């Protein structure tokens, strides 16, 4: 095996054209987009250069197969001892060669950024390293093997047609071009790279360079299928049969996997709440307290599940809760009795067998925009949980404080931020105007929570700008509205929202939320009828 690796190294050195092409690829990938290489957070934006490098490795693998056929090398090796070591050595050499290329490529980009723009984003290196291993090195290595396999199968100019097609299908460009023709559920599993490039650069900032569990499963499936094809192509029959069995098992895995590598592009669902039609006043005469919620974060796509329990007292046999349609109610019980319910137009209507008791709901979502594999933004002011409609419409003036006990599973406790007090590992409790749960890479400083990609200066500037707007409005309108003391910078909100204890704002320009901030704090909503 070692002799094969040495032989392959010497053969590569005797072909300087490939070394020149790969060196030129690295140089061009750094110099051409240098104006945009301002921090390590731009790594996903280098997707086109990664695609070019992957195409080079496809062609390099094909050239390896062509060279073997021209020298009748495979037939010769099969007749000599050490055949298995030769084939594994070739595979290991490709792994080492693509790994060295990746490390040089990665270090060139990182050193350029640090040299020109300083070390402000140096803390992102571990995330960038893991992300690029799976989204840069994995495509380089697997493209080499697949290029070898495809050329070996056809051994003609048609091989390059197949290579072009395969390159297109497993690269992120697949999702960009065929988004309307190929289901996301298929394209996401084909792509050996980041299948969410467009989304993380447009909507899901919190998912940028964050590797989800589906990435590992997809790379494992791709590696088993492609390396299995290489083994089946070159080894003898017993080994070939074992490889085919492994490939079949890997191809079935995506059907049963609880985790997916992709994010679906759902409609923007985080807005202020407004009922689709006037509400019946009698359906609003109720109260809930002593609320228990067990929230389970699915860590895949937009999956979230929770169990909601509350002591209910109602004055009518029918009551209404505000609840986004994204959150599908699976079961409703009052005490031990299952009860009838209707969910439509962001409203949950319950038919009660009695007017008091312990209300229990089971709710799940697979489409809510503010939930991703590596983050969740669930503010108390929006009806992701059952809210009184009056409170959902105007949480600042109609907010209601209740007692909460919250349990969160499926997420690391240290990365969870909530408006309740810790009461054990993964458990929080206290009085609040609804539960707020933020999970992911956030930084809390001086009563202000911000995503890690938002600088402290930008967050403070955002807070001060809102504070100034409120102070000027108070003076002008002679109103007593106060800016809530605790603030959350939220990546998936597009309006200002607040209750008496906390506010939520977009990290974007203050001009976007200036009008909504004044409306929320100074303009009480009219009666529901």
Protein backbone atom coordinates (compact mmCIF):
# COMPACT_ATOMS: atom_id res chain seq x y z
CA UNK A 1 0.00 0.00 0.00
CA UNK A 2 2.83 2.40 0.90
CA UNK A 3 4.59 1.63 -2.38
CA UNK A 4 1.40 2.47 -4.28
CA UNK A 5 1.12 5.83 -2.50
CA UNK A 6 4.77 6.66 -3.28
CA UNK A 7 4.32 5.60 -6.89
CA UNK A 8 1.21 7.78 -7.25
CA UNK A 9 3.06 10.74 -5.74
CA UNK A 10 5.95 10.37 -8.17
CA UNK A 11 3.53 10.01 -11.07
CA UNK A 12 1.78 13.24 -10.06
CA UNK A 13 5.10 15.08 -9.83
CA UNK A 14 5.93 13.87 -13.34
CA UNK A 15 2.70 15.53 -14.56
CA UNK A 16 3.21 19.20 -13.60
CA UNK A 17 0.13 20.25 -15.58
CA UNK A 18 -2.18 19.02 -12.81
CA UNK A 19 -0.12 20.71 -10.11
CA UNK A 20 -0.22 23.96 -12.09
CA UNK A 21 -4.00 23.70 -12.56
CA UNK A 22 -4.64 23.02 -8.87
CA UNK A 23 -2.25 25.78 -7.76
CA UNK A 24 -3.93 28.17 -10.19
CA UNK A 25 -7.32 27.17 -8.81
CA UNK A 26 -6.23 28.09 -5.26
CA UNK A 27 -4.67 31.37 -6.37
CA UNK A 28 -7.68 32.36 -8.43
CA UNK A 29 -10.09 31.40 -5.65
CA UNK A 30 -8.34 33.77 -3.27
CA UNK A 31 -7.51 36.68 -5.57
CA UNK A 32 -10.63 36.94 -7.70
CA UNK A 33 -13.10 37.39 -4.80
CA UNK A 34 -10.59 39.16 -2.51
CA UNK A 35 -12.78 42.26 -2.20
CA UNK A 36 -15.45 40.07 -0.57
CA UNK A 37 -13.11 38.05 1.67
CA UNK A 38 -13.72 40.20 4.74
CA UNK A 39 -14.28 37.51 7.37
CA UNK A 40 -14.58 33.79 7.92
CA UNK A 41 -18.35 34.07 7.63
CA UNK A 42 -17.96 34.37 3.85
CA UNK A 43 -16.87 30.73 3.41
CA UNK A 44 -20.29 29.58 2.09
CA UNK A 45 -20.11 32.34 -0.54
CA UNK A 46 -17.09 30.66 -2.15
CA UNK A 47 -19.34 27.92 -3.51
CA UNK A 48 -18.56 28.65 -7.19
CA UNK A 49 -14.82 28.27 -6.65
CA UNK A 50 -15.40 25.01 -4.78
CA UNK A 51 -17.48 23.79 -7.72
CA UNK A 52 -14.64 24.61 -10.14
CA UNK A 53 -12.13 22.78 -7.93
CA UNK A 54 -14.50 19.77 -7.72
CA UNK A 55 -14.75 19.69 -11.53
CA UNK A 56 -10.95 19.63 -11.72
CA UNK A 57 -10.91 16.63 -9.37
CA UNK A 58 -13.57 14.92 -11.49
CA UNK A 59 -11.32 15.33 -14.52
CA UNK A 60 -8.26 14.27 -12.56
CA UNK A 61 -10.00 11.03 -11.51
CA UNK A 62 -11.04 10.40 -15.12
CA UNK A 63 -7.46 10.97 -16.28
CA UNK A 64 -6.25 8.46 -13.69
CA UNK A 65 -8.62 5.85 -15.16
CA UNK A 66 -7.61 6.73 -18.71
CA UNK A 67 -3.93 6.37 -17.85
CA UNK A 68 -4.49 2.94 -16.30
CA UNK A 69 -6.37 1.75 -19.37
CA UNK A 70 -3.73 3.09 -21.72
CA UNK A 71 -1.04 1.17 -19.83
CA UNK A 72 -3.26 -1.90 -19.16
CA UNK A 73 -2.32 -1.35 -15.53
CA UNK A 74 -5.47 -2.75 -13.91
CA UNK A 75 -5.28 -6.05 -15.81
CA UNK A 76 -1.61 -6.38 -14.88
CA UNK A 77 -2.13 -5.64 -11.19
CA UNK A 78 -4.95 -8.19 -10.95
CA UNK A 79 -2.48 -10.98 -11.89
CA UNK A 80 0.08 -9.98 -9.23
CA UNK A 81 0.14 -10.38 -5.44
CA UNK A 82 -0.86 -7.29 -3.46
CA UNK A 83 -3.86 -6.37 -5.60
CA UNK A 84 -5.93 -5.29 -2.59
CA UNK A 85 -3.08 -3.14 -1.23
CA UNK A 86 -2.68 -1.49 -4.63
CA UNK A 87 -6.37 -0.56 -4.89
CA UNK A 88 -6.58 0.66 -1.29
CA UNK A 89 -3.31 2.54 -1.71
CA UNK A 90 -4.74 4.40 -4.70
CA UNK A 91 -7.83 5.31 -2.71
CA UNK A 92 -5.73 6.45 0.25
CA UNK A 93 -3.51 8.53 -2.04
CA UNK A 94 -6.55 10.36 -3.41
CA UNK A 95 -7.68 10.98 0.15
CA UNK A 96 -4.26 12.41 1.08
CA UNK A 97 -3.88 14.45 -2.09
CA UNK A 98 -7.32 16.05 -1.85
CA UNK A 99 -6.75 16.59 1.89
CA UNK A 100 -3.48 18.43 1.27
CA UNK A 101 -5.12 20.52 -1.46
CA UNK A 102 -8.00 21.34 0.91
CA UNK A 103 -5.65 22.37 3.75
CA UNK A 104 -3.62 24.65 1.46
CA UNK A 105 -6.84 26.12 0.04
CA UNK A 106 -8.33 26.67 3.52
CA UNK A 107 -5.15 28.15 4.99
CA UNK A 108 -4.72 30.48 2.00
CA UNK A 109 -8.22 31.89 2.49
CA UNK A 110 -7.88 32.18 6.29
CA UNK A 111 -4.42 33.78 6.19
CA UNK A 112 -5.53 36.28 3.55
CA UNK A 113 -8.53 37.30 5.67
CA UNK A 114 -6.45 37.59 8.85
CA UNK A 115 -3.68 39.52 7.09
CA UNK A 116 -5.98 42.04 5.40
CA UNK A 117 -8.91 42.36 7.81
CA UNK A 118 -7.48 41.39 11.19
CA UNK A 119 -8.56 38.72 13.66
CA UNK A 120 -12.09 39.83 14.57
CA UNK A 121 -13.56 36.59 13.23
CA UNK A 122 -10.80 34.28 14.48
CA UNK A 123 -13.32 32.66 16.88
CA UNK A 124 -15.13 31.29 13.80
CA UNK A 125 -12.19 29.05 12.78
CA UNK A 126 -13.51 25.84 14.46
CA UNK A 127 -16.92 26.25 12.79
CA UNK A 128 -15.28 27.10 9.45
CA UNK A 129 -12.96 24.10 9.71
CA UNK A 130 -15.72 21.56 10.31
CA UNK A 131 -17.94 23.18 7.68
CA UNK A 132 -15.23 23.19 5.01
CA UNK A 133 -14.14 19.60 5.74
CA UNK A 134 -17.66 18.44 4.89
CA UNK A 135 -18.43 20.98 2.15
CA UNK A 136 -14.98 21.39 0.53
CA UNK A 137 -12.80 18.36 1.17
CA UNK A 138 -15.60 15.76 0.91
CA UNK A 139 -16.61 16.97 -2.60
CA UNK A 140 -12.94 17.05 -3.68
CA UNK A 141 -12.26 13.46 -2.61
CA UNK A 142 -15.56 11.96 -3.75
CA UNK A 143 -15.37 13.80 -7.09
CA UNK A 144 -11.99 12.19 -7.75
CA UNK A 145 -13.33 8.70 -7.03
CA UNK A 146 -16.51 9.28 -9.03
CA UNK A 147 -14.56 10.65 -12.00
CA UNK A 148 -12.43 7.50 -11.99
CA UNK A 149 -15.53 5.27 -11.80
CA UNK A 150 -17.47 7.03 -14.57
CA UNK A 151 -14.56 6.99 -17.02
CA UNK A 152 -13.85 3.32 -16.24
CA UNK A 153 -17.46 2.43 -17.05
CA UNK A 154 -17.59 3.95 -20.55
CA UNK A 155 -13.97 4.68 -21.55
CA UNK A 156 -14.90 7.17 -24.26
CA UNK A 157 -15.75 10.82 -24.83
CA UNK A 158 -19.21 10.05 -23.50
CA UNK A 159 -17.55 9.65 -20.11
CA UNK A 160 -17.08 13.41 -19.96
CA UNK A 161 -20.77 13.93 -20.64
CA UNK A 162 -21.55 11.65 -17.70
CA UNK A 163 -18.97 13.46 -15.58
CA UNK A 164 -20.51 16.85 -16.40
CA UNK A 165 -23.97 15.55 -15.48
CA UNK A 166 -22.75 13.97 -12.24
CA UNK A 167 -20.83 17.12 -11.33
CA UNK A 168 -23.95 19.21 -11.89
CA UNK A 169 -26.17 16.91 -9.82
CA UNK A 170 -23.94 16.67 -6.73
CA UNK A 171 -22.93 20.34 -6.59
CA UNK A 172 -24.96 23.12 -4.83
CA UNK A 173 -25.75 24.63 -8.24
CA UNK A 174 -28.20 21.76 -8.62
CA UNK A 175 -30.54 23.26 -6.00
CA UNK A 176 -30.19 26.77 -7.44
CA UNK A 177 -31.13 25.79 -11.02
CA UNK A 178 -33.45 22.83 -10.53
CA UNK A 179 -35.24 24.17 -7.46
CA UNK A 180 -38.64 24.12 -9.18
CA UNK A 181 -38.07 20.89 -11.13
CA UNK A 182 -36.49 18.58 -8.57
CA UNK A 183 -38.05 18.15 -5.11
CA UNK A 184 -35.94 19.45 -2.26
CA UNK A 185 -36.21 16.03 -0.64
CA UNK A 186 -34.27 14.57 -3.60
CA UNK A 187 -31.86 17.39 -4.43
CA UNK A 188 -30.84 17.79 -0.78
CA UNK A 189 -29.60 14.20 -0.60
CA UNK A 190 -27.77 14.35 -3.95
CA UNK A 191 -25.67 17.41 -3.15
CA UNK A 192 -22.19 16.69 -1.76
CA UNK A 193 -21.69 20.20 -0.45
CA UNK A 194 -23.94 22.75 1.24
CA UNK A 195 -27.51 22.27 -0.07
CA UNK A 196 -28.69 25.43 1.71
CA UNK A 197 -26.45 28.06 0.11
CA UNK A 198 -29.25 30.33 -1.10
CA UNK A 199 -31.22 30.09 2.13
CA UNK A 200 -28.40 30.70 4.61
CA UNK A 201 -27.32 33.75 2.61
CA UNK A 202 -30.87 35.11 2.43
CA UNK A 203 -32.97 34.01 5.41
CA UNK A 204 -31.26 31.60 7.78
CA UNK A 205 -28.23 33.55 8.98
CA UNK A 206 -28.14 31.39 12.11
CA UNK A 207 -27.48 28.30 9.97
CA UNK A 208 -24.50 29.74 8.12
CA UNK A 209 -21.49 27.39 8.53
CA UNK A 210 -23.40 25.36 11.11
CA UNK A 211 -23.23 21.66 10.28
CA UNK A 212 -26.42 19.77 11.08
CA UNK A 213 -26.70 16.04 11.76
CA UNK A 214 -28.13 15.43 8.30
CA UNK A 215 -24.81 16.58 6.78
CA UNK A 216 -22.97 13.69 8.41
CA UNK A 217 -25.57 11.15 7.30
CA UNK A 218 -25.60 12.47 3.72
CA UNK A 219 -21.78 12.43 3.47
CA UNK A 220 -21.72 8.88 4.85
CA UNK A 221 -24.32 7.78 2.28
CA UNK A 222 -22.40 9.47 -0.57
CA UNK A 223 -19.09 7.95 0.57
CA UNK A 224 -20.52 4.42 0.83
CA UNK A 225 -22.21 4.65 -2.60
CA UNK A 226 -19.25 6.17 -4.47
CA UNK A 227 -16.50 4.15 -2.79
CA UNK A 228 -18.73 1.07 -3.12
CA UNK A 229 -18.93 1.73 -6.86
CA UNK A 230 -15.11 1.98 -6.98
CA UNK A 231 -14.74 -1.33 -5.10
CA UNK A 232 -17.39 -3.05 -7.21
CA UNK A 233 -15.65 -1.88 -10.37
CA UNK A 234 -12.16 -3.09 -9.49
CA UNK A 235 -12.42 -5.98 -7.02
CA UNK A 236 -13.35 -9.63 -7.58
CA UNK A 237 -16.87 -11.01 -7.35
CA UNK A 238 -17.24 -11.77 -3.58
CA UNK A 239 -16.00 -8.29 -2.64
CA UNK A 240 -18.10 -6.76 -5.40
CA UNK A 241 -21.26 -8.39 -4.02
CA UNK A 242 -20.54 -7.11 -0.51
CA UNK A 243 -20.02 -3.61 -1.92
CA UNK A 244 -23.35 -3.75 -3.76
CA UNK A 245 -25.15 -4.77 -0.55
CA UNK A 246 -23.59 -1.83 1.31
CA UNK A 247 -24.55 0.55 -1.50
CA UNK A 248 -28.15 -0.67 -1.45
CA UNK A 249 -28.32 -0.19 2.32
CA UNK A 250 -26.89 3.33 2.03
CA UNK A 251 -29.40 4.31 -0.67
CA UNK A 252 -32.27 3.20 1.56
CA UNK A 253 -30.98 5.12 4.59
CA UNK A 254 -32.34 8.56 3.53
CA UNK A 255 -35.89 7.16 3.52
CA UNK A 256 -35.68 6.27 7.22
CA UNK A 257 -33.27 8.93 8.49
CA UNK A 258 -34.76 11.20 11.20
CA UNK A 259 -32.36 13.93 10.09
CA UNK A 260 -32.08 15.61 6.69
CA UNK A 261 -29.19 17.74 5.39
CA UNK A 262 -31.39 20.36 3.75
CA UNK A 263 -33.67 23.22 4.81
CA UNK A 264 -36.96 23.67 3.04
CA UNK A 265 -37.74 27.16 1.81
CA UNK A 266 -40.90 27.95 3.74
CA UNK A 267 -42.91 31.14 3.42
CA UNK A 268 -41.97 33.96 5.77
CA UNK A 269 -44.21 33.28 8.74
CA UNK A 270 -42.91 35.59 11.46
CA UNK A 271 -45.15 38.65 11.44
CA UNK A 272 -47.44 40.39 13.88
CA UNK A 273 -50.67 38.52 14.52
CA UNK A 274 -54.00 39.66 13.09
CA UNK A 275 -57.17 37.52 13.07
CA UNK A 276 -58.63 36.77 9.66
CA UNK A 277 -62.13 37.63 10.87
CA UNK A 278 -63.76 39.33 13.88
CA UNK A 279 -63.67 37.13 16.98
CA UNK A 280 -66.60 36.21 19.16
CA UNK A 281 -66.22 37.98 22.51
CA UNK A 282 -67.69 35.00 24.40
CA UNK A 283 -64.89 32.75 23.11
CA UNK A 284 -62.33 35.03 24.75
CA UNK A 285 -63.71 34.85 28.30
CA UNK A 286 -61.22 32.45 29.82
CA UNK A 287 -57.90 32.35 31.63
CA UNK A 288 -55.01 29.89 31.89
CA UNK A 289 -52.33 29.52 34.55
CA UNK A 290 -49.77 27.09 35.98
CA UNK A 291 -48.57 26.28 32.50
CA UNK A 292 -46.20 23.41 31.82
CA UNK A 293 -44.46 23.06 28.47
CA UNK A 294 -42.13 20.30 27.33
CA UNK A 295 -40.44 21.40 24.11
CA UNK A 296 -38.45 18.98 21.94
CA UNK A 297 -36.17 20.44 19.27
CA UNK A 298 -35.92 18.02 16.32
CA UNK A 299 -32.47 19.27 15.15
CA UNK A 300 -33.59 18.64 11.56
CA UNK A 301 -35.07 21.10 9.05
CA UNK A 302 -37.87 23.01 10.87
CA UNK A 303 -38.90 20.18 13.23
CA UNK A 304 -40.19 21.12 16.68
CA UNK A 305 -42.61 19.35 19.01
CA UNK A 306 -44.12 20.38 22.33
CA UNK A 307 -46.54 19.31 25.01
CA UNK A 308 -48.63 22.14 26.52
CA UNK A 309 -50.58 21.84 29.78
CA UNK A 310 -52.47 24.56 31.67
CA UNK A 311 -55.17 25.03 34.30
CA UNK A 312 -58.16 26.40 32.40
CA UNK A 313 -61.16 28.41 33.64
CA UNK A 314 -63.70 29.45 30.99
CA UNK A 315 -67.07 31.22 30.95
CA UNK A 316 -68.17 29.62 27.69
CA UNK A 317 -68.29 26.13 26.17
CA UNK A 318 -66.24 27.33 23.22
CA UNK A 319 -62.93 29.18 23.48
CA UNK A 320 -60.34 30.41 20.97
CA UNK A 321 -56.55 30.53 21.07
CA UNK A 322 -54.25 32.33 18.66
CA UNK A 323 -51.85 29.78 17.14
CA UNK A 324 -49.88 29.91 13.88
CA UNK A 325 -51.05 27.41 11.27
CA UNK A 326 -47.43 26.18 11.08
CA UNK A 327 -47.97 24.56 14.47
CA UNK A 328 -50.27 21.60 13.86
CA UNK A 329 -52.31 20.42 16.83
CA UNK A 330 -52.24 16.63 17.04
CA UNK A 331 -54.31 16.07 20.16
CA UNK A 332 -56.33 18.11 22.68
CA UNK A 333 -57.54 16.83 26.03
CA UNK A 334 -59.32 18.35 29.03
CA UNK A 335 -58.47 16.20 31.98
CA UNK A 336 -58.74 12.63 30.68
CA UNK A 337 -61.22 13.44 27.91
CA UNK A 338 -60.24 14.01 24.29
CA UNK A 339 -62.11 17.04 22.97
CA UNK A 340 -63.09 18.37 19.54
CA UNK A 341 -61.14 21.25 18.04
CA UNK A 342 -60.84 23.25 14.83
CA UNK A 343 -57.60 24.82 13.59
CA UNK A 344 -57.69 27.30 10.74
CA UNK A 345 -56.57 30.82 9.83
CA UNK A 346 -54.07 30.95 12.72
CA UNK A 347 -56.81 30.24 15.24
CA UNK A 348 -57.46 27.20 17.45
CA UNK A 349 -61.09 26.76 18.55
CA UNK A 350 -61.91 24.26 21.31
CA UNK A 351 -65.29 22.72 22.21
CA UNK A 352 -65.17 22.16 25.97
CA UNK A 353 -67.05 19.36 27.77
CA UNK A 354 -66.64 21.37 30.99
CA UNK A 355 -65.56 24.92 31.77
CA UNK A 356 -62.57 24.16 33.96
CA UNK A 357 -59.87 21.53 34.17
CA UNK A 358 -56.34 20.68 33.06
CA UNK A 359 -55.98 21.45 29.36
CA UNK A 360 -53.42 19.33 27.45
CA UNK A 361 -52.25 19.88 23.86
CA UNK A 362 -49.77 18.05 21.66
CA UNK A 363 -48.37 20.29 18.93
CA UNK A 364 -45.75 19.84 16.18
CA UNK A 365 -44.31 21.88 13.33
CA UNK A 366 -42.17 21.04 10.31
CA UNK A 367 -42.49 24.39 8.55
CA UNK A 368 -41.94 27.24 11.02
CA UNK A 369 -39.32 29.62 9.64
CA UNK A 370 -37.84 30.55 13.02
CA UNK A 371 -36.77 26.97 13.77
CA UNK A 372 -33.76 25.32 12.14
CA UNK A 373 -31.40 22.40 12.90
CA UNK A 374 -29.03 24.65 14.86
CA UNK A 375 -31.26 27.42 16.14
CA UNK A 376 -34.74 28.34 17.34
CA UNK A 377 -36.25 31.78 17.88
CA UNK A 378 -39.52 31.48 19.79
CA UNK A 379 -40.53 34.87 21.27
CA UNK A 380 -43.25 35.32 23.87
CA UNK A 381 -45.06 37.91 21.71
CA UNK A 382 -45.92 35.62 18.79
CA UNK A 383 -48.43 32.72 18.82
CA UNK A 384 -46.09 29.79 18.32
CA UNK A 385 -47.74 28.53 21.51
CA UNK A 386 -51.47 28.87 22.42
CA UNK A 387 -52.00 32.58 23.21
CA UNK A 388 -55.07 34.53 24.15
CA UNK A 389 -56.01 36.33 20.90
CA UNK A 390 -56.16 39.73 22.60
CA UNK A 391 -52.62 39.23 23.85
CA UNK A 392 -51.41 38.00 20.45
CA UNK A 393 -52.85 41.09 18.74
CA UNK A 394 -51.44 43.58 21.27
CA UNK A 395 -48.97 41.91 23.67
CA UNK A 396 -47.73 45.24 25.04
CA UNK A 397 -51.11 46.58 26.23
CA UNK A 398 -52.99 43.27 26.69
CA UNK A 399 -50.20 41.07 28.04
CA UNK A 400 -51.07 38.57 30.76
CA UNK A 401 -48.57 37.16 33.22
CA UNK A 402 -48.83 33.48 34.01
CA UNK A 403 -46.81 30.92 35.92
CA UNK A 404 -44.65 28.73 33.67
CA UNK A 405 -42.56 25.61 34.03
CA UNK A 406 -40.55 24.88 30.92
CA UNK A 407 -38.58 21.79 29.94
CA UNK A 408 -36.51 21.65 26.75
CA UNK A 409 -35.06 18.47 25.24
CA UNK A 410 -33.04 17.82 22.09
CA UNK A 411 -30.91 20.94 22.59
CA UNK A 412 -27.81 21.75 24.62
CA UNK A 413 -28.87 23.56 27.80
CA UNK A 414 -25.93 25.96 27.67
CA UNK A 415 -27.12 27.29 24.32
CA UNK A 416 -30.70 27.95 25.48
CA UNK A 417 -31.75 31.47 26.48
CA UNK A 418 -35.15 32.06 28.02
CA UNK A 419 -37.05 34.65 30.09
CA UNK A 420 -37.56 32.17 32.94
CA UNK A 421 -35.24 31.24 35.81
CA UNK A 422 -33.19 27.99 35.81
CA UNK A 423 -34.71 25.23 37.97
CA UNK A 424 -32.44 22.33 37.04
CA UNK A 425 -30.75 20.94 33.95
CA UNK A 426 -32.97 21.67 30.96
CA UNK A 427 -35.73 23.11 33.21
CA UNK A 428 -36.82 26.72 33.77
CA UNK A 429 -39.72 28.29 35.65
CA UNK A 430 -41.18 31.63 36.71
CA UNK A 431 -43.77 34.31 35.94
CA UNK A 432 -43.78 35.73 32.41
CA UNK A 433 -45.88 37.27 29.65
CA UNK A 434 -45.50 34.02 27.75
CA UNK A 435 -42.36 31.86 27.25
CA UNK A 436 -39.40 33.07 25.22
CA UNK A 437 -36.97 30.39 24.00
CA UNK A 438 -33.88 31.18 21.95
CA UNK A 439 -31.52 28.34 21.07
CA UNK A 440 -28.26 28.64 19.17
CA UNK A 441 -25.18 30.84 18.95
CA UNK A 442 -26.34 33.90 20.89
CA UNK A 443 -24.51 36.30 23.18
CA UNK A 444 -26.16 37.97 26.18
CA UNK A 445 -24.70 41.22 27.43
CA UNK A 446 -26.33 43.82 29.67
CA UNK A 447 -29.92 42.66 29.20
CA UNK A 448 -29.53 42.46 25.43
CA UNK A 449 -29.42 39.12 23.59
CA UNK A 450 -27.96 39.10 20.09
CA UNK A 451 -26.93 36.50 17.50
CA UNK A 452 -23.18 35.86 17.52
CA UNK A 453 -22.88 37.24 13.98
CA UNK A 454 -24.22 40.63 15.17
CA UNK A 455 -21.48 42.69 16.85
CA UNK A 456 -22.02 44.20 20.29
CA UNK A 457 -21.65 47.69 18.83
CA UNK A 458 -24.37 47.03 16.25
CA UNK A 459 -26.72 45.59 18.90
CA UNK A 460 -26.20 48.52 21.26
CA UNK A 461 -26.66 50.95 18.38
CA UNK A 462 -29.91 49.18 17.50
CA UNK A 463 -31.12 49.40 21.12
CA UNK A 464 -30.15 53.05 21.52
CA UNK A 465 -31.88 53.99 18.28
CA UNK A 466 -35.14 52.39 19.44
CA UNK A 467 -34.73 54.03 22.84
CA UNK A 468 -34.32 57.44 21.24
CA UNK A 469 -37.38 56.93 19.06
CA UNK A 470 -39.46 56.06 22.12
CA UNK A 471 -38.16 59.01 24.17
CA UNK A 472 -38.92 61.48 21.38
CA UNK A 473 -42.40 60.03 20.94
CA UNK A 474 -43.08 60.22 24.68
CA UNK A 475 -42.19 63.90 24.71
CA UNK A 476 -44.22 64.65 21.60
CA UNK A 477 -47.30 62.60 22.53
CA UNK A 478 -47.18 63.07 26.33
CA UNK A 479 -47.62 59.30 26.72
CA UNK A 480 -46.17 57.12 29.48
CA UNK A 481 -45.05 54.14 27.36
CA UNK A 482 -41.71 52.65 28.40
CA UNK A 483 -39.13 50.76 26.42
CA UNK A 484 -38.98 47.19 27.86
CA UNK A 485 -35.82 46.56 29.85
CA UNK A 486 -34.78 43.30 28.14
CA UNK A 487 -34.11 43.17 24.42
CA UNK A 488 -33.69 40.38 21.86
CA UNK A 489 -32.11 40.86 18.45
CA UNK A 490 -33.94 38.28 16.34
CA UNK A 491 -32.68 37.14 12.93
CA UNK A 492 -36.06 35.98 11.60
CA UNK A 493 -38.34 38.85 12.57
CA UNK A 494 -39.17 41.72 10.25
CA UNK A 495 -41.11 43.96 12.64
CA UNK A 496 -40.64 45.39 16.11
CA UNK A 497 -42.65 43.51 18.77
CA UNK A 498 -42.85 43.88 22.55
CA UNK A 499 -44.66 43.11 25.77
CA UNK A 500 -44.10 45.05 29.02
CA UNK A 501 -40.99 43.01 29.93
CA UNK A 502 -39.14 42.43 26.65
CA UNK A 503 -38.86 43.59 23.07
CA UNK A 504 -37.79 41.89 19.85
CA UNK A 505 -36.18 43.64 16.89
CA UNK A 506 -34.49 42.84 13.59
CA UNK A 507 -30.70 43.28 13.32
CA UNK A 508 -31.25 45.19 10.07
CA UNK A 509 -31.63 48.92 9.56
CA UNK A 510 -33.58 50.75 12.27
CA UNK A 511 -35.69 52.46 9.60
CA UNK A 512 -37.46 49.16 8.93
CA UNK A 513 -38.80 48.89 12.50
CA UNK A 514 -39.18 52.55 13.49
CA UNK A 515 -42.88 52.78 12.58
CA UNK A 516 -43.77 49.40 14.07
CA UNK A 517 -42.00 50.30 17.34
CA UNK A 518 -44.17 53.40 17.74
CA UNK A 519 -47.32 51.45 16.89
CA UNK A 520 -46.52 48.70 19.38
CA UNK A 521 -45.72 50.97 22.32
CA UNK A 522 -48.05 53.90 21.79
CA UNK A 523 -51.02 52.61 19.82
CA UNK A 524 -53.33 50.31 21.76
CA UNK A 525 -55.27 48.00 19.45
CA UNK A 526 -59.05 48.47 19.15
CA UNK A 527 -61.48 45.95 20.66
CA UNK A 528 -61.75 42.62 18.85
CA UNK A 529 -65.41 43.08 17.92
